[in-house]
Every structure is written in C-alpha cells, then in structure tokens.
Amino acid sequence: MAKLLKANAHHGAIPGFKRNLLLREFIASPGLSVSTMSRAALDFMVFGEAYFYRVPNMLGQVLELQHLPAINMRVRVDGGYVQLLQDGKEDEFDQDEIEHIFNYDVEQNIYGVPEYLGGLQALLLNEAATLFRRRYYSNGAHAGYIFYTNDANLSEKDEDELRAQITASKGVGNFRSMFVNIPGGTEKAIQIIPVGDFQAKDELEKVKNITRNDVIAAWRMNPALAGIIPENSGGFGDIEKIDRVYTSNEIRPICQLFEQANETLREDRRFNWKKPPEDTKTTE
C-alpha cells in the first residue's frame, strides 16, 4: 500500500490532503506535537491505523505520545506489539505501552484497514494505461507508418538516405521532419501510410477518466477538493460549502477516533499544562 502511493497522481495526493484537513482541526499540546500528529495521521490515511508509544517519565506516567511508523508495527499473538527494525531486529512493547488507533475491519479486529481498497483495481489500471502510453512513445511506435515509394527517378543513394533517416527517427527524435525532392516525380511518388490510430484503439483518455473517478470515489473525496478540472462552465459549486460539508462528514469522525489519544493523556494527568497568560503591560 505504501508503494502504491506513487502509482497515481490522485491516489498519492489525496491522503496528504486529508491529513492536512485533519491537522487543521488539531490543537497541539506538550503531550502531542503537530509533527507527531502529522505522521500518525498520514499513517492512518494510508494504512487505516496509527501507533503511538506512550513515553513514560521516572514515575511511570505518560509524559508524551511518540509516533511509531505503522508500516513496521506488528501485533503479537500473545499480546503486545513488535516493531520491525533494520537487520532483522525487533523491538517489543507491552500492551499498555502502545496507543493503537485503527479503522475497524469486519473480518478481523487486530489491524486497521483503509477504506480505499475497493479502488485498487482502478488505480492499477490507471497506472498500467499510463505506463503503456509512455513506453509506446519511448519506443517510437506512435510514429509507426509505411513509407511507400514507386518513383523510378528515386536513386539507390536516395533510398539508402531515406532508409537511414527513417531508422534514426525511432526513439529519441521521432518527431524529426523530413524533406524529399524528386525531380520529375509523379503526384504519389511517395506516400506515408499510417499503420493505425492509437487513439481509436486503446482510448487512453476514457480509461484515465473512468479510473480517476473510481480512485477519488474510493477515497470519498469531492472532485472540487481533489484538484479535478471541471468540464462544465458552472464548475463544482461553492468550494467553501463543499469544504465545510466534507470536513463535517469525513474529517471530524476521524478526529473522534484520535480522541482516544487525548483521553489517555487526560486520564493519566501526566502533566498539568495550561495556556501561558498573555503579556500584560504595567504602568508606574
């Protein structure tokens, strides 16, 4: 799932955007900083779960929450958690040392599961269509044609020169122009016969648009917020209203899941943090 973030422009950008919307609702504290929340929120968007380590003080109380990358975390069968480290090493944690926030899955209650999984086939099709077209152009296949001549005035030297230029047009430089002059040649002495029209065959634009819509639907992202260019003159409507509705229906419920991290800090009362008073002016 981490590697698939680079497979498609929208699939790679949407989790970061939803993370930013979540941070907009977040209020930092000494127990949970913005940078820590940012990493955990992105983990939640991509993997459907996030992990915090409850950093203890000398009295065993939780001092702050520290982010642990979800991609390296595993749940132990006998309880507790394991973090996979480099060189095959592992770091074990007890059950009460980890704050595990996850999106519930109806098939199991161990790991979180993202809700965009239903759109992965569309995502992979979108990537395959893009890669096919890129390789198609790189190979020079889009310039495929039959260069047909039937003029007796065309010398062998001219034929060899034309053959060399056509061969050199493959790959880099395949849009190179060519000038041919045949004194006394007939009207159709040289003809360019295209092999086929790639646009009519694979319909790239239709495939890209359909799969793009499936991807943003899987993320439950409004097209106006996903960077989609509207095809009609009216656009998508009032962007501020769309933002308010989307935040209320999609982002704030996720905020409620992360509320359990706040509850951990509140219940333990590891520290008594108050907002510092504003500076006041004094007069003599």
Protein backbone atom coordinates (compact mmCIF):
# COMPACT_ATOMS: atom_id res chain seq x y z
CA MET A 1 0.00 0.00 0.00
CA ALA A 2 2.92 2.34 0.66
CA LYS A 3 4.38 1.72 -2.80
CA LEU A 4 1.01 2.27 -4.48
CA LEU A 5 1.07 5.91 -3.36
CA LYS A 6 3.45 6.56 -6.27
CA ALA A 7 1.29 4.75 -8.82
CA ASN A 8 -1.23 7.52 -9.45
CA ALA A 9 -1.29 11.29 -9.03
CA HIS A 10 -4.62 11.46 -7.19
CA HIS A 11 -4.04 8.40 -5.04
CA GLY A 12 -0.72 9.86 -3.95
CA ALA A 13 -2.04 13.35 -3.20
CA ILE A 14 -5.39 12.65 -1.52
CA PRO A 15 -4.05 11.06 1.71
CA GLY A 16 -1.76 14.03 2.24
CA PHE A 17 -4.66 16.42 1.66
CA LYS A 18 -6.90 14.58 4.13
CA ARG A 19 -4.02 14.64 6.62
CA ASN A 20 -3.82 18.41 6.19
CA LEU A 21 -7.55 18.77 6.83
CA LEU A 22 -7.17 16.69 9.97
CA LEU A 23 -4.30 18.87 11.18
CA ARG A 24 -6.48 21.92 10.66
CA GLU A 25 -8.78 20.58 13.38
CA PHE A 26 -5.88 19.56 15.64
CA ILE A 27 -4.71 21.57 18.66
CA ALA A 28 -1.15 20.77 19.70
CA SER A 29 -0.10 20.24 23.32
CA PRO A 30 3.09 19.29 25.18
CA GLY A 31 1.93 15.68 25.03
CA LEU A 32 1.30 15.57 21.28
CA SER A 33 3.04 17.88 18.82
CA VAL A 34 1.92 18.85 15.32
CA SER A 35 4.77 16.93 13.65
CA THR A 36 3.92 13.76 15.60
CA MET A 37 0.25 14.08 14.74
CA SER A 38 1.08 14.74 11.10
CA ARG A 39 2.99 11.47 10.74
CA ALA A 40 0.37 9.46 12.61
CA ALA A 41 -2.48 10.99 10.57
CA LEU A 42 -0.78 10.10 7.29
CA ASP A 43 -0.27 6.54 8.53
CA PHE A 44 -3.97 6.35 9.33
CA MET A 45 -4.98 7.58 5.87
CA VAL A 46 -2.71 5.11 4.08
CA PHE A 47 -2.84 2.02 6.30
CA GLY A 48 -6.05 2.57 8.23
CA GLU A 49 -4.18 2.61 11.55
CA ALA A 50 -1.68 4.61 13.59
CA TYR A 51 0.59 3.77 16.53
CA PHE A 52 1.80 5.95 19.41
CA TYR A 53 4.36 4.99 22.03
CA ARG A 54 3.44 6.23 25.49
CA VAL A 55 6.72 7.79 26.62
CA PRO A 56 6.97 7.36 30.43
CA ASN A 57 8.62 9.60 32.97
CA MET A 58 10.56 8.41 36.00
CA LEU A 59 7.32 7.70 37.88
CA GLY A 60 5.96 5.51 35.09
CA GLN A 61 3.47 8.12 34.00
CA VAL A 62 2.95 9.01 30.34
CA LEU A 63 4.92 12.12 29.50
CA GLU A 64 4.06 12.36 25.82
CA LEU A 65 2.98 10.32 22.80
CA GLN A 66 5.64 9.39 20.25
CA HIS A 67 4.78 8.24 16.73
CA LEU A 68 5.76 4.74 15.60
CA PRO A 69 5.64 4.02 11.83
CA ALA A 70 2.65 1.77 11.15
CA ILE A 71 4.45 0.03 8.29
CA ASN A 72 6.86 -1.56 10.79
CA MET A 73 4.40 -2.44 13.55
CA ARG A 74 3.00 -5.92 14.22
CA VAL A 75 0.56 -7.22 16.83
CA ARG A 76 1.82 -10.15 18.86
CA VAL A 77 -0.33 -13.24 19.15
CA ASP A 78 0.17 -13.40 22.91
CA GLY A 79 -0.50 -9.69 23.40
CA GLY A 80 1.63 -6.61 22.98
CA TYR A 81 3.34 -5.25 19.90
CA VAL A 82 6.55 -5.67 17.91
CA GLN A 83 8.36 -3.04 15.85
CA LEU A 84 10.43 -4.42 12.97
CA LEU A 85 13.86 -2.77 12.82
CA GLN A 86 16.78 -2.95 10.40
CA ASP A 87 18.97 -6.06 10.08
CA GLY A 88 16.10 -8.31 11.17
CA LYS A 89 15.99 -6.92 14.71
CA GLU A 90 12.78 -6.35 16.67
CA ASP A 91 11.68 -4.07 19.48
CA GLU A 92 8.92 -5.44 21.72
CA PHE A 93 6.28 -3.40 23.57
CA ASP A 94 3.77 -4.34 26.23
CA GLN A 95 0.07 -3.84 25.58
CA ASP A 96 -0.16 -0.75 27.78
CA GLU A 97 2.87 0.93 26.17
CA ILE A 98 1.17 1.45 22.79
CA GLU A 99 -1.79 3.55 21.74
CA HIS A 100 -3.24 1.77 18.71
CA ILE A 101 -5.77 3.78 16.70
CA PHE A 102 -7.29 1.85 13.82
CA ASN A 103 -10.17 1.73 11.40
CA TYR A 104 -12.33 -1.29 12.28
CA ASP A 105 -12.49 -4.14 9.78
CA VAL A 106 -15.48 -6.50 9.76
CA GLU A 107 -13.26 -9.54 9.07
CA GLN A 108 -10.82 -9.05 11.94
CA ASN A 109 -10.18 -6.84 14.93
CA ILE A 110 -6.38 -6.87 15.01
CA TYR A 111 -5.18 -4.43 12.35
CA GLY A 112 -6.76 -1.40 10.80
CA VAL A 113 -7.75 -1.49 7.13
CA PRO A 114 -8.08 1.55 4.82
CA GLU A 115 -11.39 2.06 3.09
CA TYR A 116 -9.98 2.74 -0.38
CA LEU A 117 -9.09 -0.92 -1.07
CA GLY A 118 -12.09 -1.29 -3.37
CA GLY A 119 -10.50 1.19 -5.78
CA LEU A 120 -7.13 -0.56 -6.11
CA GLN A 121 -8.04 -2.30 -9.39
CA ALA A 122 -8.95 1.04 -10.95
CA LEU A 123 -5.73 2.50 -9.56
CA LEU A 124 -3.62 -0.28 -11.11
CA LEU A 125 -5.45 0.02 -14.44
CA ASN A 126 -4.76 3.76 -14.45
CA GLU A 127 -1.08 3.11 -13.80
CA ALA A 128 -0.93 0.40 -16.49
CA ALA A 129 -2.53 2.69 -19.07
CA THR A 130 -0.06 5.46 -18.29
CA LEU A 131 2.96 3.14 -18.42
CA PHE A 132 1.76 1.61 -21.69
CA ARG A 133 1.41 5.02 -23.31
CA ARG A 134 4.80 6.15 -22.01
CA ARG A 135 6.54 3.05 -23.38
CA TYR A 136 4.54 3.40 -26.59
CA TYR A 137 6.04 6.85 -27.14
CA SER A 138 9.50 5.87 -25.93
CA ASN A 139 9.64 3.06 -28.47
CA GLY A 140 8.57 5.39 -31.24
CA ALA A 141 5.57 3.17 -32.05
CA HIS A 142 3.28 6.21 -32.28
CA ALA A 143 5.27 7.25 -35.36
CA GLY A 144 4.70 3.87 -36.99
CA TYR A 145 3.92 4.07 -40.72
CA ILE A 146 4.71 2.60 -44.12
CA PHE A 147 6.92 4.85 -46.24
CA TYR A 148 5.86 3.84 -49.77
CA THR A 149 7.65 4.92 -52.97
CA ASN A 150 7.06 3.98 -56.61
CA ASP A 151 9.04 6.61 -58.50
CA ALA A 152 11.67 5.43 -60.96
CA ASN A 153 13.57 8.69 -60.55
CA LEU A 154 14.45 7.81 -56.96
CA SER A 155 18.07 6.65 -57.00
CA GLU A 156 19.55 3.94 -54.80
CA LYS A 157 21.55 6.59 -52.97
CA ASP A 158 18.34 8.48 -52.16
CA GLU A 159 16.68 5.24 -51.00
CA ASP A 160 19.57 4.49 -48.66
CA GLU A 161 19.49 8.01 -47.24
CA LEU A 162 15.72 7.86 -46.65
CA ARG A 163 16.04 4.42 -45.03
CA ALA A 164 18.75 5.75 -42.68
CA GLN A 165 16.67 8.77 -41.67
CA ILE A 166 13.57 6.64 -41.01
CA THR A 167 15.59 4.23 -38.87
CA ALA A 168 17.08 7.12 -36.91
CA SER A 169 13.61 8.51 -36.21
CA LYS A 170 12.86 5.70 -33.72
CA GLY A 171 13.03 6.61 -30.05
CA VAL A 172 14.60 9.98 -29.33
CA GLY A 173 13.98 12.38 -32.19
CA ASN A 174 10.99 10.51 -33.59
CA PHE A 175 9.22 13.76 -34.40
CA ARG A 176 12.00 14.83 -36.76
CA SER A 177 10.81 16.39 -40.02
CA MET A 178 11.99 15.22 -43.45
CA PHE A 179 12.37 16.95 -46.82
CA VAL A 180 12.31 14.93 -50.06
CA ASN A 181 12.71 16.33 -53.59
CA ILE A 182 12.26 14.10 -56.67
CA PRO A 183 12.69 15.95 -59.98
CA GLY A 184 10.10 14.70 -62.48
CA GLY A 185 8.34 12.52 -59.87
CA THR A 186 4.64 11.74 -60.09
CA GLU A 187 1.99 13.07 -57.73
CA LYS A 188 2.01 9.98 -55.49
CA ALA A 189 5.61 9.01 -55.90
CA ILE A 190 5.98 8.99 -52.11
CA GLN A 191 3.18 8.13 -49.69
CA ILE A 192 3.00 7.93 -45.88
CA ILE A 193 0.56 5.20 -44.88
CA PRO A 194 -0.17 5.15 -41.09
CA VAL A 195 -0.32 1.68 -39.55
CA GLY A 196 -3.18 2.59 -37.21
CA ASP A 197 -4.66 5.23 -34.95
CA PHE A 198 -3.74 4.53 -31.34
CA GLN A 199 -6.38 6.93 -30.03
CA ALA A 200 -9.17 4.84 -31.52
CA LYS A 201 -7.69 1.59 -30.23
CA ASP A 202 -6.96 1.95 -26.55
CA GLU A 203 -8.97 5.10 -25.76
CA LEU A 204 -6.49 6.30 -23.17
CA GLU A 205 -8.45 9.38 -22.18
CA LYS A 206 -11.59 7.38 -21.40
CA VAL A 207 -9.65 4.82 -19.36
CA LYS A 208 -7.83 7.55 -17.43
CA ASN A 209 -11.03 9.47 -16.65
CA ILE A 210 -13.01 6.41 -15.53
CA THR A 211 -10.26 5.06 -13.31
CA ARG A 212 -9.57 8.53 -11.88
CA ASN A 213 -13.22 8.84 -10.86
CA ASP A 214 -13.08 5.40 -9.24
CA VAL A 215 -9.97 6.37 -7.29
CA ILE A 216 -11.43 9.59 -5.87
CA ALA A 217 -14.71 7.75 -5.13
CA ALA A 218 -12.79 5.10 -3.19
CA TRP A 219 -11.24 7.90 -1.13
CA ARG A 220 -14.67 9.56 -0.76
CA MET A 221 -13.06 12.76 -1.97
CA ASN A 222 -15.11 15.51 -3.54
CA PRO A 223 -13.84 16.31 -7.08
CA ALA A 224 -13.62 20.01 -6.22
CA LEU A 225 -11.17 19.18 -3.42
CA ALA A 226 -9.28 16.58 -5.43
CA GLY A 227 -7.90 19.03 -7.98
CA ILE A 228 -10.20 17.87 -10.80
CA ILE A 229 -10.71 20.43 -13.56
CA PRO A 230 -14.47 20.85 -14.15
CA GLU A 231 -15.64 20.10 -17.68
CA ASN A 232 -18.66 22.41 -17.50
CA SER A 233 -18.77 26.17 -17.17
CA GLY A 234 -20.61 26.02 -13.84
CA GLY A 235 -17.81 24.20 -12.06
CA PHE A 236 -18.43 22.18 -8.89
CA GLY A 237 -20.22 24.84 -6.86
CA ASP A 238 -19.26 26.85 -3.80
CA ILE A 239 -15.88 25.46 -2.68
CA GLU A 240 -16.29 26.83 0.86
CA LYS A 241 -19.60 25.00 1.36
CA ILE A 242 -18.08 21.82 -0.09
CA ASP A 243 -15.15 22.14 2.31
CA ARG A 244 -17.43 22.61 5.34
CA VAL A 245 -19.62 19.64 4.48
CA TYR A 246 -16.66 17.40 3.70
CA THR A 247 -14.88 18.35 6.91
CA SER A 248 -18.04 17.70 8.93
CA ASN A 249 -18.86 14.34 7.33
CA GLU A 250 -15.40 12.89 6.69
CA ILE A 251 -12.67 14.57 8.75
CA ARG A 252 -14.30 15.13 12.14
CA PRO A 253 -15.34 11.48 12.53
CA ILE A 254 -11.65 10.61 12.07
CA CYS A 255 -10.83 13.22 14.70
CA GLN A 256 -13.10 11.34 17.09
CA LEU A 257 -11.04 8.19 16.59
CA PHE A 258 -7.91 10.09 17.54
CA GLU A 259 -9.70 11.40 20.63
CA GLN A 260 -8.65 8.23 22.45
CA ALA A 261 -5.09 9.59 22.45
CA ASN A 262 -6.36 12.67 24.25
CA GLU A 263 -8.25 10.50 26.72
CA THR A 264 -5.03 8.66 27.54
CA LEU A 265 -3.30 11.91 28.42
CA ARG A 266 -6.30 13.32 30.31
CA GLU A 267 -6.92 10.25 32.44
CA ASP A 268 -3.29 9.85 33.45
CA ARG A 269 -2.82 13.59 34.16
CA ARG A 270 0.92 13.21 33.50
CA PHE A 271 1.22 16.96 33.49
CA ASN A 272 -0.91 19.93 34.33
CA TRP A 273 -0.46 22.08 31.23
CA LYS A 274 -2.16 25.42 30.96
CA LYS A 275 -2.03 28.03 28.28
CA PRO A 276 0.50 30.68 29.31
CA PRO A 277 -1.06 34.04 30.19
CA GLU A 278 -0.84 36.80 27.64
CA ASP A 279 1.70 39.53 28.23
CA THR A 280 0.25 42.46 30.14
CA LYS A 281 1.52 45.99 30.24
CA THR A 282 2.17 47.67 33.58
CA THR A 283 2.30 51.34 34.35
CA GLU A 284 4.28 53.06 37.07
